[in-house]
Amino acid sequence: MPREDQHLDKAKKNERFAESLNRSDVIAGEWAVVAVFYAALHYVQAYFSKFSVEARCHHDRFDQIKRDQKIKTVITSYKYLYALSRTARYQCGSLPTDAYEKSKSYLADVKKHIEPVLRS
């Protein structure tokens, strides 16, 4: 299982990658949304690593988030990012025009609840 610092590094790299993409290109914009979701996933995994919590798949992660009193409030934001990412990856329709901006807002919510716990 990767360490907390490895997950944090991966989360930040995913954020930088998303930011680097030319989001005026539809495909790049979709991948930016996917990268934002995976940044959120790695912030959550960093938190779980700190407390030795196992979450090996999306379903496990959802369950663990819901059970954890310190971070259960992020479940709505996390689920939104997951759903948006799945839409970008698997659906043939387009994302809403503000999908990237919304995803960044939901990621900020996840970080707002997780980063202080990681610093403690």
PDB file of N, CA and C in Angstrom:
ATOM      1  N   MET A   1       0.857  -1.180   0.000  1.00  0.00           N
ATOM      2  CA  MET A   1       0.000   0.000   0.000  1.00  0.00           C
ATOM      3  C   MET A   1       0.900   1.239   0.000  1.00  0.00           C
ATOM      4  N   PRO A   2       0.687   2.168  -0.938  1.00  0.00           N
ATOM      5  CA  PRO A   2       1.501   3.388  -0.952  1.00  0.00           C
ATOM      6  C   PRO A   2       1.328   4.199   0.332  1.00  0.00           C
ATOM      7  N   ARG A   3       2.356   4.947   0.639  1.00  0.00           N
ATOM      8  CA  ARG A   3       2.354   5.791   1.837  1.00  0.00           C
ATOM      9  C   ARG A   3       1.562   7.071   1.592  1.00  0.00           C
ATOM     10  N   GLU A   4       1.220   7.721   2.687  1.00  0.00           N
ATOM     11  CA  GLU A   4       0.490   8.987   2.650  1.00  0.00           C
ATOM     12  C   GLU A   4       1.183  10.005   1.735  1.00  0.00           C
ATOM     13  N   ASP A   5       2.486  10.180   1.897  1.00  0.00           N
ATOM     14  CA  ASP A   5       3.214  11.171   1.097  1.00  0.00           C
ATOM     15  C   ASP A   5       3.200  10.827  -0.394  1.00  0.00           C
ATOM     16  N   GLN A   6       3.200   9.541  -0.717  1.00  0.00           N
ATOM     17  CA  GLN A   6       3.138   9.140  -2.122  1.00  0.00           C
ATOM     18  C   GLN A   6       1.782   9.483  -2.727  1.00  0.00           C
ATOM     19  N   HIS A   7       0.714   9.263  -1.964  1.00  0.00           N
ATOM     20  CA  HIS A   7      -0.621   9.626  -2.456  1.00  0.00           C
ATOM     21  C   HIS A   7      -0.742  11.142  -2.616  1.00  0.00           C
ATOM     22  N   LEU A   8      -0.206  11.901  -1.671  1.00  0.00           N
ATOM     23  CA  LEU A   8      -0.267  13.369  -1.777  1.00  0.00           C
ATOM     24  C   LEU A   8       0.495  13.853  -3.007  1.00  0.00           C
ATOM     25  N   ASP A   9       1.648  13.276  -3.251  1.00  0.00           N
ATOM     26  CA  ASP A   9       2.431  13.640  -4.430  1.00  0.00           C
ATOM     27  C   ASP A   9       1.651  13.344  -5.706  1.00  0.00           C
ATOM     28  N   LYS A  10       1.023  12.179  -5.747  1.00  0.00           N
ATOM     29  CA  LYS A  10       0.239  11.797  -6.927  1.00  0.00           C
ATOM     30  C   LYS A  10      -0.969  12.724  -7.106  1.00  0.00           C
ATOM     31  N   ALA A  11      -1.616  13.088  -6.014  1.00  0.00           N
ATOM     32  CA  ALA A  11      -2.760  14.008  -6.088  1.00  0.00           C
ATOM     33  C   ALA A  11      -2.330  15.341  -6.690  1.00  0.00           C
ATOM     34  N   LYS A  12      -1.223  15.871  -6.217  1.00  0.00           N
ATOM     35  CA  LYS A  12      -0.738  17.171  -6.712  1.00  0.00           C
ATOM     36  C   LYS A  12      -0.318  17.089  -8.175  1.00  0.00           C
ATOM     37  N   LYS A  13       0.283  15.972  -8.561  1.00  0.00           N
ATOM     38  CA  LYS A  13       0.651  15.783  -9.971  1.00  0.00           C
ATOM     39  C   LYS A  13      -0.597  15.736 -10.853  1.00  0.00           C
ATOM     40  N   ASN A  14      -1.644  15.058 -10.387  1.00  0.00           N
ATOM     41  CA  ASN A  14      -2.894  15.014 -11.154  1.00  0.00           C
ATOM     42  C   ASN A  14      -3.512  16.398 -11.291  1.00  0.00           C
ATOM     43  N   GLU A  15      -3.450  17.190 -10.220  1.00  0.00           N
ATOM     44  CA  GLU A  15      -3.960  18.563 -10.299  1.00  0.00           C
ATOM     45  C   GLU A  15      -3.174  19.382 -11.316  1.00  0.00           C
ATOM     46  N   ARG A  16      -1.854  19.279 -11.260  1.00  0.00           N
ATOM     47  CA  ARG A  16      -1.014  20.030 -12.220  1.00  0.00           C
ATOM     48  C   ARG A  16      -1.266  19.578 -13.654  1.00  0.00           C
ATOM     49  N   PHE A  17      -1.432  18.272 -13.839  1.00  0.00           N
ATOM     50  CA  PHE A  17      -1.725  17.747 -15.165  1.00  0.00           C
ATOM     51  C   PHE A  17      -3.042  18.312 -15.691  1.00  0.00           C
ATOM     52  N   ALA A  18      -4.066  18.283 -14.870  1.00  0.00           N
ATOM     53  CA  ALA A  18      -5.374  18.816 -15.281  1.00  0.00           C
ATOM     54  C   ALA A  18      -5.254  20.283 -15.677  1.00  0.00           C
ATOM     55  N   GLU A  19      -4.521  21.022 -14.872  1.00  0.00           N
ATOM     56  CA  GLU A  19      -4.353  22.460 -15.131  1.00  0.00           C
ATOM     57  C   GLU A  19      -3.573  22.712 -16.424  1.00  0.00           C
ATOM     58  N   SER A  20      -2.679  21.789 -16.778  1.00  0.00           N
ATOM     59  CA  SER A  20      -1.826  21.987 -17.953  1.00  0.00           C
ATOM     60  C   SER A  20      -2.535  21.722 -19.278  1.00  0.00           C
ATOM     61  N   LEU A  21      -3.659  21.029 -19.228  1.00  0.00           N
ATOM     62  CA  LEU A  21      -4.351  20.657 -20.460  1.00  0.00           C
ATOM     63  C   LEU A  21      -5.078  21.842 -21.084  1.00  0.00           C
ATOM     64  N   ASN A  22      -5.137  21.844 -22.392  1.00  0.00           N
ATOM     65  CA  ASN A  22      -5.878  22.863 -23.137  1.00  0.00           C
ATOM     66  C   ASN A  22      -7.358  22.487 -23.091  1.00  0.00           C
ATOM     67  N   ARG A  23      -8.065  23.040 -22.126  1.00  0.00           N
ATOM     68  CA  ARG A  23      -9.445  22.633 -21.911  1.00  0.00           C
ATOM     69  C   ARG A  23     -10.406  23.171 -22.966  1.00  0.00           C
ATOM     70  N   SER A  24      -9.915  23.989 -23.893  1.00  0.00           N
ATOM     71  CA  SER A  24     -10.786  24.396 -25.002  1.00  0.00           C
ATOM     72  C   SER A  24     -10.954  23.247 -25.990  1.00  0.00           C
ATOM     73  N   ASP A  25     -10.069  22.278 -25.942  1.00  0.00           N
ATOM     74  CA  ASP A  25     -10.209  21.050 -26.716  1.00  0.00           C
ATOM     75  C   ASP A  25     -11.108  20.105 -25.914  1.00  0.00           C
ATOM     76  N   VAL A  26     -12.155  19.586 -26.528  1.00  0.00           N
ATOM     77  CA  VAL A  26     -13.154  18.783 -25.818  1.00  0.00           C
ATOM     78  C   VAL A  26     -12.515  17.570 -25.132  1.00  0.00           C
ATOM     79  N   ILE A  27     -11.696  16.839 -25.854  1.00  0.00           N
ATOM     80  CA  ILE A  27     -11.082  15.635 -25.288  1.00  0.00           C
ATOM     81  C   ILE A  27     -10.152  15.997 -24.131  1.00  0.00           C
ATOM     82  N   ALA A  28      -9.342  17.020 -24.293  1.00  0.00           N
ATOM     83  CA  ALA A  28      -8.439  17.451 -23.211  1.00  0.00           C
ATOM     84  C   ALA A  28      -9.254  17.918 -22.001  1.00  0.00           C
ATOM     85  N   GLY A  29     -10.368  18.591 -22.260  1.00  0.00           N
ATOM     86  CA  GLY A  29     -11.233  19.034 -21.169  1.00  0.00           C
ATOM     87  C   GLY A  29     -11.817  17.866 -20.398  1.00  0.00           C
ATOM     88  N   GLU A  30     -12.197  16.810 -21.127  1.00  0.00           N
ATOM     89  CA  GLU A  30     -12.711  15.622 -20.450  1.00  0.00           C
ATOM     90  C   GLU A  30     -11.628  14.971 -19.591  1.00  0.00           C
ATOM     91  N   TRP A  31     -10.413  14.886 -20.121  1.00  0.00           N
ATOM     92  CA  TRP A  31      -9.326  14.273 -19.348  1.00  0.00           C
ATOM     93  C   TRP A  31      -8.917  15.141 -18.164  1.00  0.00           C
ATOM     94  N   ALA A  32      -9.096  16.436 -18.274  1.00  0.00           N
ATOM     95  CA  ALA A  32      -8.824  17.311 -17.125  1.00  0.00           C
ATOM     96  C   ALA A  32      -9.776  16.971 -15.983  1.00  0.00           C
ATOM     97  N   VAL A  33     -11.034  16.738 -16.301  1.00  0.00           N
ATOM     98  CA  VAL A  33     -12.026  16.353 -15.289  1.00  0.00           C
ATOM     99  C   VAL A  33     -11.659  15.003 -14.666  1.00  0.00           C
ATOM    100  N   VAL A  34     -11.222  14.079 -15.490  1.00  0.00           N
ATOM    101  CA  VAL A  34     -10.800  12.762 -14.982  1.00  0.00           C
ATOM    102  C   VAL A  34      -9.614  12.929 -14.036  1.00  0.00           C
ATOM    103  N   ALA A  35      -8.649  13.747 -14.420  1.00  0.00           N
ATOM    104  CA  ALA A  35      -7.468  13.963 -13.576  1.00  0.00           C
ATOM    105  C   ALA A  35      -7.846  14.615 -12.247  1.00  0.00           C
ATOM    106  N   VAL A  36      -8.828  15.509 -12.262  1.00  0.00           N
ATOM    107  CA  VAL A  36      -9.286  16.128 -11.017  1.00  0.00           C
ATOM    108  C   VAL A  36      -9.899  15.068 -10.099  1.00  0.00           C
ATOM    109  N   PHE A  37     -10.699  14.165 -10.671  1.00  0.00           N
ATOM    110  CA  PHE A  37     -11.247  13.083  -9.839  1.00  0.00           C
ATOM    111  C   PHE A  37     -10.124  12.267  -9.226  1.00  0.00           C
ATOM    112  N   TYR A  38      -9.122  11.911 -10.024  1.00  0.00           N
ATOM    113  CA  TYR A  38      -8.044  11.089  -9.476  1.00  0.00           C
ATOM    114  C   TYR A  38      -7.195  11.851  -8.469  1.00  0.00           C
ATOM    115  N   ALA A  39      -7.152  13.156  -8.568  1.00  0.00           N
ATOM    116  CA  ALA A  39      -6.513  13.944  -7.504  1.00  0.00           C
ATOM    117  C   ALA A  39      -7.295  13.753  -6.210  1.00  0.00           C
ATOM    118  N   ALA A  40      -8.620  13.852  -6.293  1.00  0.00           N
ATOM    119  CA  ALA A  40      -9.465  13.650  -5.110  1.00  0.00           C
ATOM    120  C   ALA A  40      -9.273  12.249  -4.544  1.00  0.00           C
ATOM    121  N   LEU A  41      -9.234  11.259  -5.416  1.00  0.00           N
ATOM    122  CA  LEU A  41      -9.040   9.885  -4.977  1.00  0.00           C
ATOM    123  C   LEU A  41      -7.736   9.765  -4.183  1.00  0.00           C
ATOM    124  N   HIS A  42      -6.680  10.372  -4.657  1.00  0.00           N
ATOM    125  CA  HIS A  42      -5.398  10.255  -3.963  1.00  0.00           C
ATOM    126  C   HIS A  42      -5.356  11.067  -2.667  1.00  0.00           C
ATOM    127  N   TYR A  43      -6.094  12.162  -2.584  1.00  0.00           N
ATOM    128  CA  TYR A  43      -6.205  12.851  -1.292  1.00  0.00           C
ATOM    129  C   TYR A  43      -6.904  11.943  -0.280  1.00  0.00           C
ATOM    130  N   VAL A  44      -7.970  11.294  -0.718  1.00  0.00           N
ATOM    131  CA  VAL A  44      -8.687  10.365   0.163  1.00  0.00           C
ATOM    132  C   VAL A  44      -7.774   9.205   0.548  1.00  0.00           C
ATOM    133  N   GLN A  45      -7.056   8.661  -0.421  1.00  0.00           N
ATOM    134  CA  GLN A  45      -6.153   7.545  -0.134  1.00  0.00           C
ATOM    135  C   GLN A  45      -5.019   7.961   0.798  1.00  0.00           C
ATOM    136  N   ALA A  46      -4.542   9.193   0.679  1.00  0.00           N
ATOM    137  CA  ALA A  46      -3.515   9.691   1.606  1.00  0.00           C
ATOM    138  C   ALA A  46      -4.064   9.675   3.025  1.00  0.00           C
ATOM    139  N   TYR A  47      -5.288  10.143   3.166  1.00  0.00           N
ATOM    140  CA  TYR A  47      -5.949  10.136   4.470  1.00  0.00           C
ATOM    141  C   TYR A  47      -6.063   8.704   5.001  1.00  0.00           C
ATOM    142  N   PHE A  48      -6.530   7.800   4.161  1.00  0.00           N
ATOM    143  CA  PHE A  48      -6.668   6.410   4.580  1.00  0.00           C
ATOM    144  C   PHE A  48      -5.313   5.801   4.941  1.00  0.00           C
ATOM    145  N   SER A  49      -4.286   6.129   4.183  1.00  0.00           N
ATOM    146  CA  SER A  49      -2.951   5.610   4.483  1.00  0.00           C
ATOM    147  C   SER A  49      -2.479   6.064   5.857  1.00  0.00           C
ATOM    148  N   LYS A  50      -2.776   7.311   6.184  1.00  0.00           N
ATOM    149  CA  LYS A  50      -2.369   7.829   7.495  1.00  0.00           C
ATOM    150  C   LYS A  50      -2.956   6.989   8.622  1.00  0.00           C
ATOM    151  N   PHE A  51      -4.153   6.506   8.431  1.00  0.00           N
ATOM    152  CA  PHE A  51      -4.847   5.758   9.477  1.00  0.00           C
ATOM    153  C   PHE A  51      -4.925   4.248   9.184  1.00  0.00           C
ATOM    154  N   SER A  52      -4.114   3.793   8.228  1.00  0.00           N
ATOM    155  CA  SER A  52      -4.040   2.369   7.867  1.00  0.00           C
ATOM    156  C   SER A  52      -5.393   1.768   7.512  1.00  0.00           C
ATOM    157  N   VAL A  53      -6.181   2.509   6.752  1.00  0.00           N
ATOM    158  CA  VAL A  53      -7.486   2.043   6.291  1.00  0.00           C
ATOM    159  C   VAL A  53      -7.318   1.482   4.877  1.00  0.00           C
ATOM    160  N   GLU A  54      -7.843   0.300   4.651  1.00  0.00           N
ATOM    161  CA  GLU A  54      -7.779  -0.330   3.329  1.00  0.00           C
ATOM    162  C   GLU A  54      -9.002   0.054   2.502  1.00  0.00           C
ATOM    163  N   ALA A  55      -8.757   0.533   1.307  1.00  0.00           N
ATOM    164  CA  ALA A  55      -9.826   0.804   0.341  1.00  0.00           C
ATOM    165  C   ALA A  55      -9.239   0.514  -1.034  1.00  0.00           C
ATOM    166  N   ARG A  56      -9.503  -0.671  -1.527  1.00  0.00           N
ATOM    167  CA  ARG A  56      -8.849  -1.133  -2.751  1.00  0.00           C
ATOM    168  C   ARG A  56      -9.639  -0.866  -4.030  1.00  0.00           C
ATOM    169  N   CYS A  57     -10.902  -0.493  -3.893  1.00  0.00           N
ATOM    170  CA  CYS A  57     -11.709  -0.213  -5.087  1.00  0.00           C
ATOM    171  C   CYS A  57     -12.659   0.950  -4.775  1.00  0.00           C
ATOM    172  N   HIS A  58     -13.327   1.441  -5.797  1.00  0.00           N
ATOM    173  CA  HIS A  58     -14.223   2.595  -5.607  1.00  0.00           C
ATOM    174  C   HIS A  58     -15.312   2.289  -4.577  1.00  0.00           C
ATOM    175  N   HIS A  59     -15.894   1.117  -4.667  1.00  0.00           N
ATOM    176  CA  HIS A  59     -16.965   0.752  -3.732  1.00  0.00           C
ATOM    177  C   HIS A  59     -16.462   0.780  -2.284  1.00  0.00           C
ATOM    178  N   ASP A  60     -15.294   0.195  -2.053  1.00  0.00           N
ATOM    179  CA  ASP A  60     -14.703   0.218  -0.703  1.00  0.00           C
ATOM    180  C   ASP A  60     -14.455   1.652  -0.239  1.00  0.00           C
ATOM    181  N   ARG A  61     -13.959   2.460  -1.138  1.00  0.00           N
ATOM    182  CA  ARG A  61     -13.644   3.851  -0.799  1.00  0.00           C
ATOM    183  C   ARG A  61     -14.907   4.599  -0.397  1.00  0.00           C
ATOM    184  N   PHE A  62     -15.985   4.440  -1.162  1.00  0.00           N
ATOM    185  CA  PHE A  62     -17.250   5.090  -0.799  1.00  0.00           C
ATOM    186  C   PHE A  62     -17.684   4.668   0.601  1.00  0.00           C
ATOM    187  N   ASP A  63     -17.635   3.366   0.856  1.00  0.00           N
ATOM    188  CA  ASP A  63     -18.048   2.862   2.172  1.00  0.00           C
ATOM    189  C   ASP A  63     -17.177   3.423   3.290  1.00  0.00           C
ATOM    190  N   GLN A  64     -15.881   3.448   3.083  1.00  0.00           N
ATOM    191  CA  GLN A  64     -14.975   3.949   4.118  1.00  0.00           C
ATOM    192  C   GLN A  64     -15.174   5.447   4.371  1.00  0.00           C
ATOM    193  N   ILE A  65     -15.403   6.201   3.314  1.00  0.00           N
ATOM    194  CA  ILE A  65     -15.657   7.641   3.482  1.00  0.00           C
ATOM    195  C   ILE A  65     -16.910   7.839   4.322  1.00  0.00           C
ATOM    196  N   LYS A  66     -17.976   7.119   3.986  1.00  0.00           N
ATOM    197  CA  LYS A  66     -19.244   7.261   4.713  1.00  0.00           C
ATOM    198  C   LYS A  66     -19.119   6.902   6.189  1.00  0.00           C
ATOM    199  N   ARG A  67     -18.252   5.955   6.513  1.00  0.00           N
ATOM    200  CA  ARG A  67     -18.083   5.498   7.894  1.00  0.00           C
ATOM    201  C   ARG A  67     -17.203   6.412   8.740  1.00  0.00           C
ATOM    202  N   ASP A  68     -16.367   7.194   8.086  1.00  0.00           N
ATOM    203  CA  ASP A  68     -15.365   7.970   8.820  1.00  0.00           C
ATOM    204  C   ASP A  68     -15.938   9.318   9.264  1.00  0.00           C
ATOM    205  N   GLN A  69     -16.025   9.519  10.557  1.00  0.00           N
ATOM    206  CA  GLN A  69     -16.637  10.742  11.109  1.00  0.00           C
ATOM    207  C   GLN A  69     -15.907  12.018  10.685  1.00  0.00           C
ATOM    208  N   LYS A  70     -14.606  11.946  10.472  1.00  0.00           N
ATOM    209  CA  LYS A  70     -13.838  13.143  10.137  1.00  0.00           C
ATOM    210  C   LYS A  70     -14.031  13.590   8.696  1.00  0.00           C
ATOM    211  N   ILE A  71     -14.305  12.652   7.793  1.00  0.00           N
ATOM    212  CA  ILE A  71     -14.377  13.039   6.378  1.00  0.00           C
ATOM    213  C   ILE A  71     -15.681  12.665   5.680  1.00  0.00           C
ATOM    214  N   LYS A  72     -16.633  12.120   6.410  1.00  0.00           N
ATOM    215  CA  LYS A  72     -17.862  11.659   5.733  1.00  0.00           C
ATOM    216  C   LYS A  72     -18.600  12.789   5.017  1.00  0.00           C
ATOM    217  N   THR A  73     -18.359  14.018   5.409  1.00  0.00           N
ATOM    218  CA  THR A  73     -19.030  15.143   4.742  1.00  0.00           C
ATOM    219  C   THR A  73     -18.560  15.345   3.304  1.00  0.00           C
ATOM    220  N   VAL A  74     -17.448  14.726   2.901  1.00  0.00           N
ATOM    221  CA  VAL A  74     -16.971  14.900   1.526  1.00  0.00           C
ATOM    222  C   VAL A  74     -17.622  13.938   0.551  1.00  0.00           C
ATOM    223  N   ILE A  75     -18.469  13.040   1.033  1.00  0.00           N
ATOM    224  CA  ILE A  75     -19.010  11.998   0.162  1.00  0.00           C
ATOM    225  C   ILE A  75     -19.773  12.580  -1.032  1.00  0.00           C
ATOM    226  N   THR A  76     -20.516  13.639  -0.845  1.00  0.00           N
ATOM    227  CA  THR A  76     -21.270  14.228  -1.961  1.00  0.00           C
ATOM    228  C   THR A  76     -20.321  14.772  -3.028  1.00  0.00           C
ATOM    229  N   SER A  77     -19.315  15.498  -2.600  1.00  0.00           N
ATOM    230  CA  SER A  77     -18.331  16.045  -3.552  1.00  0.00           C
ATOM    231  C   SER A  77     -17.570  14.929  -4.249  1.00  0.00           C
ATOM    232  N   TYR A  78     -17.157  13.946  -3.468  1.00  0.00           N
ATOM    233  CA  TYR A  78     -16.396  12.836  -4.030  1.00  0.00           C
ATOM    234  C   TYR A  78     -17.240  12.057  -5.049  1.00  0.00           C
ATOM    235  N   LYS A  79     -18.483  11.783  -4.722  1.00  0.00           N
ATOM    236  CA  LYS A  79     -19.372  11.058  -5.642  1.00  0.00           C
ATOM    237  C   LYS A  79     -19.629  11.861  -6.912  1.00  0.00           C
ATOM    238  N   TYR A  80     -19.759  13.185  -6.764  1.00  0.00           N
ATOM    239  CA  TYR A  80     -19.960  14.018  -7.955  1.00  0.00           C
ATOM    240  C   TYR A  80     -18.750  13.900  -8.883  1.00  0.00           C
ATOM    241  N   LEU A  81     -17.550  13.998  -8.306  1.00  0.00           N
ATOM    242  CA  LEU A  81     -16.334  13.885  -9.114  1.00  0.00           C
ATOM    243  C   LEU A  81     -16.241  12.516  -9.779  1.00  0.00           C
ATOM    244  N   TYR A  82     -16.586  11.484  -9.041  1.00  0.00           N
ATOM    245  CA  TYR A  82     -16.578  10.131  -9.592  1.00  0.00           C
ATOM    246  C   TYR A  82     -17.545  10.036 -10.777  1.00  0.00           C
ATOM    247  N   ALA A  83     -18.758  10.519 -10.594  1.00  0.00           N
ATOM    248  CA  ALA A  83     -19.772  10.448 -11.655  1.00  0.00           C
ATOM    249  C   ALA A  83     -19.348  11.259 -12.883  1.00  0.00           C
ATOM    250  N   LEU A  84     -18.806  12.442 -12.647  1.00  0.00           N
ATOM    251  CA  LEU A  84     -18.359  13.281 -13.758  1.00  0.00           C
ATOM    252  C   LEU A  84     -17.216  12.598 -14.511  1.00  0.00           C
ATOM    253  N   SER A  85     -16.317  11.984 -13.773  1.00  0.00           N
ATOM    254  CA  SER A  85     -15.203  11.265 -14.378  1.00  0.00           C
ATOM    255  C   SER A  85     -15.700  10.086 -15.220  1.00  0.00           C
ATOM    256  N   ARG A  86     -16.654   9.350 -14.698  1.00  0.00           N
ATOM    257  CA  ARG A  86     -17.213   8.219 -15.452  1.00  0.00           C
ATOM    258  C   ARG A  86     -17.908   8.702 -16.722  1.00  0.00           C
ATOM    259  N   THR A  87     -18.615   9.811 -16.610  1.00  0.00           N
ATOM    260  CA  THR A  87     -19.263  10.375 -17.797  1.00  0.00           C
ATOM    261  C   THR A  87     -18.211  10.737 -18.837  1.00  0.00           C
ATOM    262  N   ALA A  88     -17.142  11.380 -18.405  1.00  0.00           N
ATOM    263  CA  ALA A  88     -16.084  11.784 -19.328  1.00  0.00           C
ATOM    264  C   ALA A  88     -15.414  10.575 -19.986  1.00  0.00           C
ATOM    265  N   ARG A  89     -15.250   9.497 -19.221  1.00  0.00           N
ATOM    266  CA  ARG A  89     -14.540   8.327 -19.749  1.00  0.00           C
ATOM    267  C   ARG A  89     -15.406   7.413 -20.588  1.00  0.00           C
ATOM    268  N   TYR A  90     -16.675   7.240 -20.193  1.00  0.00           N
ATOM    269  CA  TYR A  90     -17.454   6.165 -20.800  1.00  0.00           C
ATOM    270  C   TYR A  90     -18.658   6.603 -21.616  1.00  0.00           C
ATOM    271  N   GLN A  91     -19.160   7.790 -21.393  1.00  0.00           N
ATOM    272  CA  GLN A  91     -20.341   8.242 -22.128  1.00  0.00           C
ATOM    273  C   GLN A  91     -19.906   8.960 -23.402  1.00  0.00           C
ATOM    274  N   CYS A  92     -20.717   8.901 -24.388  1.00  0.00           N
ATOM    275  CA  CYS A  92     -20.382   9.535 -25.664  1.00  0.00           C
ATOM    276  C   CYS A  92     -20.908  10.958 -25.768  1.00  0.00           C
ATOM    277  N   GLY A  93     -21.727  11.365 -24.832  1.00  0.00           N
ATOM    278  CA  GLY A  93     -22.219  12.739 -24.825  1.00  0.00           C
ATOM    279  C   GLY A  93     -21.173  13.669 -24.242  1.00  0.00           C
ATOM    280  N   SER A  94     -21.433  14.922 -24.336  1.00  0.00           N
ATOM    281  CA  SER A  94     -20.446  15.874 -23.831  1.00  0.00           C
ATOM    282  C   SER A  94     -20.751  16.254 -22.381  1.00  0.00           C
ATOM    283  N   LEU A  95     -19.729  16.718 -21.710  1.00  0.00           N
ATOM    284  CA  LEU A  95     -19.872  17.208 -20.346  1.00  0.00           C
ATOM    285  C   LEU A  95     -20.470  18.608 -20.368  1.00  0.00           C
ATOM    286  N   PRO A  96     -21.016  19.051 -19.263  1.00  0.00           N
ATOM    287  CA  PRO A  96     -21.478  20.444 -19.200  1.00  0.00           C
ATOM    288  C   PRO A  96     -20.303  21.394 -19.485  1.00  0.00           C
ATOM    289  N   THR A  97     -20.600  22.556 -19.996  1.00  0.00           N
ATOM    290  CA  THR A  97     -19.523  23.487 -20.361  1.00  0.00           C
ATOM    291  C   THR A  97     -18.680  23.906 -19.169  1.00  0.00           C
ATOM    292  N   ASP A  98     -19.236  23.906 -17.985  1.00  0.00           N
ATOM    293  CA  ASP A  98     -18.489  24.319 -16.796  1.00  0.00           C
ATOM    294  C   ASP A  98     -17.984  23.133 -15.977  1.00  0.00           C
ATOM    295  N   ALA A  99     -17.872  21.965 -16.598  1.00  0.00           N
ATOM    296  CA  ALA A  99     -17.518  20.743 -15.856  1.00  0.00           C
ATOM    297  C   ALA A  99     -16.176  20.871 -15.140  1.00  0.00           C
ATOM    298  N   TYR A 100     -15.182  21.429 -15.790  1.00  0.00           N
ATOM    299  CA  TYR A 100     -13.869  21.525 -15.153  1.00  0.00           C
ATOM    300  C   TYR A 100     -13.920  22.465 -13.953  1.00  0.00           C
ATOM    301  N   GLU A 101     -14.562  23.612 -14.108  1.00  0.00           N
ATOM    302  CA  GLU A 101     -14.654  24.563 -13.006  1.00  0.00           C
ATOM    303  C   GLU A 101     -15.405  23.949 -11.822  1.00  0.00           C
ATOM    304  N   LYS A 102     -16.486  23.250 -12.126  1.00  0.00           N
ATOM    305  CA  LYS A 102     -17.245  22.572 -11.066  1.00  0.00           C
ATOM    306  C   LYS A 102     -16.387  21.501 -10.393  1.00  0.00           C
ATOM    307  N   SER A 103     -15.668  20.741 -11.194  1.00  0.00           N
ATOM    308  CA  SER A 103     -14.840  19.687 -10.613  1.00  0.00           C
ATOM    309  C   SER A 103     -13.777  20.271  -9.701  1.00  0.00           C
ATOM    310  N   LYS A 104     -13.201  21.397 -10.064  1.00  0.00           N
ATOM    311  CA  LYS A 104     -12.206  22.049  -9.202  1.00  0.00           C
ATOM    312  C   LYS A 104     -12.841  22.493  -7.885  1.00  0.00           C
ATOM    313  N   SER A 105     -14.069  22.957  -7.942  1.00  0.00           N
ATOM    314  CA  SER A 105     -14.779  23.377  -6.738  1.00  0.00           C
ATOM    315  C   SER A 105     -15.036  22.186  -5.807  1.00  0.00           C
ATOM    316  N   TYR A 106     -15.453  21.071  -6.386  1.00  0.00           N
ATOM    317  CA  TYR A 106     -15.699  19.871  -5.582  1.00  0.00           C
ATOM    318  C   TYR A 106     -14.392  19.306  -5.027  1.00  0.00           C
ATOM    319  N   LEU A 107     -13.320  19.381  -5.802  1.00  0.00           N
ATOM    320  CA  LEU A 107     -12.015  18.953  -5.300  1.00  0.00           C
ATOM    321  C   LEU A 107     -11.588  19.837  -4.131  1.00  0.00           C
ATOM    322  N   ALA A 108     -11.830  21.128  -4.237  1.00  0.00           N
ATOM    323  CA  ALA A 108     -11.490  22.047  -3.139  1.00  0.00           C
ATOM    324  C   ALA A 108     -12.225  21.647  -1.859  1.00  0.00           C
ATOM    325  N   ASP A 109     -13.463  21.200  -1.986  1.00  0.00           N
ATOM    326  CA  ASP A 109     -14.214  20.745  -0.817  1.00  0.00           C
ATOM    327  C   ASP A 109     -13.563  19.514  -0.189  1.00  0.00           C
ATOM    328  N   VAL A 110     -13.173  18.568  -1.017  1.00  0.00           N
ATOM    329  CA  VAL A 110     -12.503  17.364  -0.517  1.00  0.00           C
ATOM    330  C   VAL A 110     -11.223  17.754   0.214  1.00  0.00           C
ATOM    331  N   LYS A 111     -10.429  18.602  -0.410  1.00  0.00           N
ATOM    332  CA  LYS A 111      -9.158  19.023   0.189  1.00  0.00           C
ATOM    333  C   LYS A 111      -9.374  19.791   1.494  1.00  0.00           C
ATOM    334  N   LYS A 112     -10.401  20.617   1.532  1.00  0.00           N
ATOM    335  CA  LYS A 112     -10.693  21.432   2.720  1.00  0.00           C
ATOM    336  C   LYS A 112     -10.921  20.556   3.950  1.00  0.00           C
ATOM    337  N   HIS A 113     -11.488  19.395   3.763  1.00  0.00           N
ATOM    338  CA  HIS A 113     -11.772  18.503   4.878  1.00  0.00           C
ATOM    339  C   HIS A 113     -10.636  17.530   5.181  1.00  0.00           C
ATOM    340  N   ILE A 114      -9.850  17.203   4.176  1.00  0.00           N
ATOM    341  CA  ILE A 114      -8.811  16.196   4.372  1.00  0.00           C
ATOM    342  C   ILE A 114      -7.464  16.805   4.749  1.00  0.00           C
ATOM    343  N   GLU A 115      -7.083  17.888   4.108  1.00  0.00           N
ATOM    344  CA  GLU A 115      -5.740  18.446   4.353  1.00  0.00           C
ATOM    345  C   GLU A 115      -5.497  18.810   5.828  1.00  0.00           C
ATOM    346  N   PRO A 116      -6.445  19.424   6.540  1.00  0.00           N
ATOM    347  CA  PRO A 116      -6.160  19.725   7.943  1.00  0.00           C
ATOM    348  C   PRO A 116      -5.893  18.477   8.790  1.00  0.00           C
ATOM    349  N   VAL A 117      -6.593  17.398   8.498  1.00  0.00           N
ATOM    350  CA  VAL A 117      -6.381  16.158   9.247  1.00  0.00           C
ATOM    351  C   VAL A 117      -5.005  15.585   8.930  1.00  0.00           C
ATOM    352  N   LEU A 118      -4.587  15.716   7.683  1.00  0.00           N
ATOM    353  CA  LEU A 118      -3.267  15.212   7.304  1.00  0.00           C
ATOM    354  C   LEU A 118      -2.151  16.002   7.961  1.00  0.00           C
ATOM    355  N   ARG A 119      -2.383  17.282   8.193  1.00  0.00           N
ATOM    356  CA  ARG A 119      -1.363  18.131   8.835  1.00  0.00           C
ATOM    357  C   ARG A 119      -1.287  17.913  10.349  1.00  0.00           C
ATOM    358  N   SER A 120      -2.319  17.309  10.929  1.00  0.00           N
ATOM    359  CA  SER A 120      -2.323  17.154  12.394  1.00  0.00           C
ATOM    360  C   SER A 120      -1.511  15.964  12.862  1.00  0.00           C
TER     361      SER A 120
END
